[in-house]
Protein backbone atom coordinates (compact mmCIF):
# COMPACT_ATOMS: atom_id res chain seq x y z
CA UNK A 1 47.08 -2.17 -2.16
CA UNK A 2 45.19 0.44 -4.19
CA UNK A 3 43.79 -2.23 -6.49
CA UNK A 4 42.49 -4.33 -3.61
CA UNK A 5 40.90 -1.22 -2.06
CA UNK A 6 39.19 -0.40 -5.38
CA UNK A 7 37.94 -4.00 -5.70
CA UNK A 8 36.51 -3.90 -2.16
CA UNK A 9 34.74 -0.59 -2.85
CA UNK A 10 33.29 -2.00 -6.08
CA UNK A 11 32.00 -5.12 -4.32
CA UNK A 12 30.41 -3.07 -1.55
CA UNK A 13 28.72 -0.74 -4.01
CA UNK A 14 27.57 -3.65 -6.18
CA UNK A 15 25.93 -5.51 -3.30
CA UNK A 16 24.47 -2.41 -1.65
CA UNK A 17 22.78 -1.15 -4.84
CA UNK A 18 21.74 -4.49 -6.33
CA UNK A 19 18.02 -4.87 -6.80
CA UNK A 20 16.12 -7.50 -4.94
CA UNK A 21 13.38 -9.53 -6.56
CA UNK A 22 10.01 -7.89 -6.00
CA UNK A 23 7.93 -9.31 -3.20
CA UNK A 24 5.15 -11.50 -4.59
CA UNK A 25 1.82 -9.91 -3.62
CA UNK A 26 -0.79 -12.12 -1.99
CA UNK A 27 -3.30 -13.26 -4.62
CA UNK A 28 -6.98 -12.83 -3.77
CA UNK A 29 -9.17 -14.72 -6.22
CA UNK A 30 -12.39 -12.95 -5.18
CA UNK A 31 -10.88 -9.60 -6.09
CA UNK A 32 -9.77 -10.77 -9.51
CA UNK A 33 -13.25 -12.17 -10.14
CA UNK A 34 -14.77 -8.79 -9.13
CA UNK A 35 -16.73 -10.32 -6.26
CA UNK A 36 -17.63 -7.56 -3.84
CA UNK A 37 -20.75 -6.21 -2.18
CA UNK A 38 -22.10 -2.69 -2.22
CA UNK A 39 -22.79 -1.04 1.10
CA UNK A 40 -26.44 -0.21 0.43
CA UNK A 41 -26.60 2.20 3.38
CA UNK A 42 -23.61 4.20 2.15
CA UNK A 43 -24.58 4.39 -1.54
CA UNK A 44 -27.54 6.81 -1.29
CA UNK A 45 -25.37 9.24 0.68
CA UNK A 46 -22.56 9.00 -1.88
CA UNK A 47 -24.82 9.60 -4.87
CA UNK A 48 -26.84 12.19 -2.93
CA UNK A 49 -30.31 10.67 -3.08
CA UNK A 50 -32.70 12.68 -0.93
CA UNK A 51 -36.12 11.36 -1.93
CA UNK A 52 -37.30 8.50 0.34
CA UNK A 53 -38.94 6.58 -2.49
CA UNK A 54 -35.76 6.69 -4.54
CA UNK A 55 -33.71 5.68 -1.49
CA UNK A 56 -35.92 2.63 -0.95
CA UNK A 57 -35.66 1.65 -4.60
CA UNK A 58 -31.89 2.00 -4.39
CA UNK A 59 -31.76 -0.13 -1.20
CA UNK A 60 -33.87 -2.84 -2.81
CA UNK A 61 -31.85 -2.90 -6.04
CA UNK A 62 -28.57 -3.13 -4.16
CA UNK A 63 -29.91 -5.84 -1.82
CA UNK A 64 -31.03 -7.93 -4.80
CA UNK A 65 -27.64 -7.47 -6.47
CA UNK A 66 -25.73 -8.35 -3.28
CA UNK A 67 -27.84 -11.51 -2.82
CA UNK A 68 -27.08 -12.64 -6.38
CA UNK A 69 -23.37 -12.03 -5.87
CA UNK A 70 -23.46 -13.93 -2.56
CA UNK A 71 -24.94 -16.92 -4.37
CA UNK A 72 -22.24 -16.76 -7.05
CA UNK A 73 -19.56 -16.43 -4.39
CA UNK A 74 -20.97 -19.34 -2.36
CA UNK A 75 -21.14 -21.65 -5.38
CA UNK A 76 -17.60 -20.84 -6.52
CA UNK A 77 -15.80 -20.57 -3.16
CA UNK A 78 -14.05 -23.98 -3.39
CA UNK A 79 -12.69 -23.20 -6.87
CA UNK A 80 -11.49 -19.76 -5.80
CA UNK A 81 -9.84 -21.06 -2.63
CA UNK A 82 -8.04 -23.77 -4.58
CA UNK A 83 -6.81 -21.18 -7.08
CA UNK A 84 -5.62 -18.85 -4.28
CA UNK A 85 -3.78 -21.69 -2.57
CA UNK A 86 -2.09 -22.73 -5.82
CA UNK A 87 -0.92 -19.25 -6.78
CA UNK A 88 0.15 -18.18 -3.29
CA UNK A 89 2.07 -21.42 -2.68
CA UNK A 90 3.93 -21.24 -6.00
CA UNK A 91 4.69 -17.52 -5.60
CA UNK A 92 8.05 -16.57 -7.05
CA UNK A 93 8.39 -19.86 -8.99
CA UNK A 94 5.94 -18.37 -11.46
CA UNK A 95 8.54 -15.72 -12.38
CA UNK A 96 11.22 -18.23 -13.24
CA UNK A 97 9.27 -21.15 -14.77
CA UNK A 98 7.34 -20.09 -17.87
CA UNK A 99 5.58 -23.41 -18.42
CA UNK A 100 4.26 -23.41 -14.89
CA UNK A 101 3.17 -19.78 -15.22
CA UNK A 102 1.32 -20.59 -18.45
CA UNK A 103 -0.52 -23.51 -16.82
CA UNK A 104 -1.53 -21.35 -13.88
CA UNK A 105 -2.67 -18.55 -16.19
CA UNK A 106 -4.88 -20.97 -18.13
CA UNK A 107 -6.31 -22.29 -14.87
CA UNK A 108 -7.07 -18.71 -13.80
CA UNK A 109 -8.81 -18.02 -17.12
CA UNK A 110 -10.89 -21.19 -16.91
CA UNK A 111 -11.94 -20.49 -13.33
CA UNK A 112 -12.31 -16.72 -13.10
CA UNK A 113 -13.53 -15.55 -16.51
CA UNK A 114 -16.96 -17.29 -16.30
CA UNK A 115 -17.48 -15.94 -12.78
CA UNK A 116 -16.52 -12.44 -13.87
CA UNK A 117 -18.85 -12.66 -16.89
CA UNK A 118 -21.83 -13.65 -14.74
CA UNK A 119 -21.08 -10.78 -12.37
CA UNK A 120 -20.91 -8.35 -15.30
CA UNK A 121 -24.39 -9.48 -16.40
CA UNK A 122 -25.80 -8.83 -12.91
CA UNK A 123 -24.00 -5.50 -12.77
CA UNK A 124 -25.58 -4.43 -16.06
CA UNK A 125 -29.05 -5.29 -14.79
CA UNK A 126 -28.33 -3.32 -11.62
CA UNK A 127 -27.15 -0.31 -13.63
CA UNK A 128 -30.19 -0.48 -15.92
CA UNK A 129 -32.47 -0.71 -12.91
CA UNK A 130 -30.80 2.26 -11.18
CA UNK A 131 -30.80 4.30 -14.39
CA UNK A 132 -34.57 3.96 -14.63
CA UNK A 133 -35.25 5.98 -11.46
CA UNK A 134 -32.07 8.00 -10.72
CA UNK A 135 -31.47 11.42 -12.21
CA UNK A 136 -28.62 11.83 -14.71
CA UNK A 137 -26.42 13.49 -12.11
CA UNK A 138 -27.09 10.78 -9.52
CA UNK A 139 -26.48 8.02 -12.04
CA UNK A 140 -23.20 9.62 -13.08
CA UNK A 141 -22.14 9.68 -9.40
CA UNK A 142 -23.21 6.05 -9.11
CA UNK A 143 -20.97 5.05 -12.02
CA UNK A 144 -18.08 6.97 -10.45
CA UNK A 145 -18.68 5.23 -7.11
CA UNK A 146 -18.83 1.88 -8.88
CA UNK A 147 -15.46 2.50 -10.60
CA UNK A 148 -13.89 3.48 -7.25
CA UNK A 149 -15.09 0.26 -5.67
CA UNK A 150 -13.63 -1.79 -8.52
CA UNK A 151 -10.32 0.08 -8.30
CA UNK A 152 -10.05 -0.91 -4.64
CA UNK A 153 -9.98 -4.55 -5.75
CA UNK A 154 -6.87 -4.12 -7.90
CA UNK A 155 -3.65 -5.31 -6.28
CA UNK A 156 -1.34 -2.60 -5.01
CA UNK A 157 2.10 -2.33 -6.57
CA UNK A 158 4.86 -3.35 -4.16
CA UNK A 159 6.62 -0.42 -2.53
CA UNK A 160 10.19 -0.01 -3.65
CA UNK A 161 12.81 1.03 -1.17
CA UNK A 162 14.44 4.27 -2.11
CA UNK A 163 18.15 4.91 -1.79
CA UNK A 164 19.16 7.15 1.11
CA UNK A 165 19.59 10.80 0.14
CA UNK A 166 23.08 11.64 -0.98
CA UNK A 167 25.09 14.06 1.08
CA UNK A 168 27.52 16.62 -0.18
CA UNK A 169 27.31 19.56 -2.51
CA UNK A 170 24.00 18.60 -4.16
CA UNK A 171 22.26 18.26 -0.81
CA UNK A 172 23.51 21.71 0.27
CA UNK A 173 22.26 23.29 -2.96
CA UNK A 174 18.85 21.76 -2.43
CA UNK A 175 18.56 23.34 1.01
CA UNK A 176 19.56 26.79 -0.15
CA UNK A 177 17.14 27.02 -3.01
CA UNK A 178 19.26 25.53 -5.75
CA UNK A 179 21.22 28.60 -6.74
CA UNK A 180 24.80 27.89 -7.65
CA UNK A 181 26.54 30.92 -6.21
CA UNK A 182 26.52 30.11 -2.53
CA UNK A 183 22.88 31.01 -2.01
CA UNK A 184 23.20 34.51 -3.46
CA UNK A 185 20.61 35.67 -5.96
CA UNK A 186 22.71 38.12 -7.98
């Protein structure tokens, strides 16, 4: 009887604390290719440009950059959609099948790396253009803003479910300030 009770308790604890496979995040090919557009109305406020001439130059530079990125995006949309469909449909199979994962990775490299490289070239020209008329402080804020925008494109790590808080002696100690002598200081 005791042995069967112990076995049941072990099974329950094993299945209740077993880890589930992580949820496969939705793949967005445009994000991995760094395709995004700057909000040219928001940027001068973020980098604190007050001079109207400088604001207009900033607007124009960002509009030119956004137009170039729109062209790149338009020309590569079918490739990116096909890649998204492939990766999202395969999903968790990529974890278990290494050959399939390797093929998909090569396909991603062939498709995304050239797009990303062309965007980097346009980004450099934008930065050089902005550096020519922005002050050092404003340009530093621009680079910080640019990094923040790129960080937003990175996929978020899946949230892990935490175990429920344990009850008992440890929980009581936590509430009383952690002292071990019944909440007394001395």
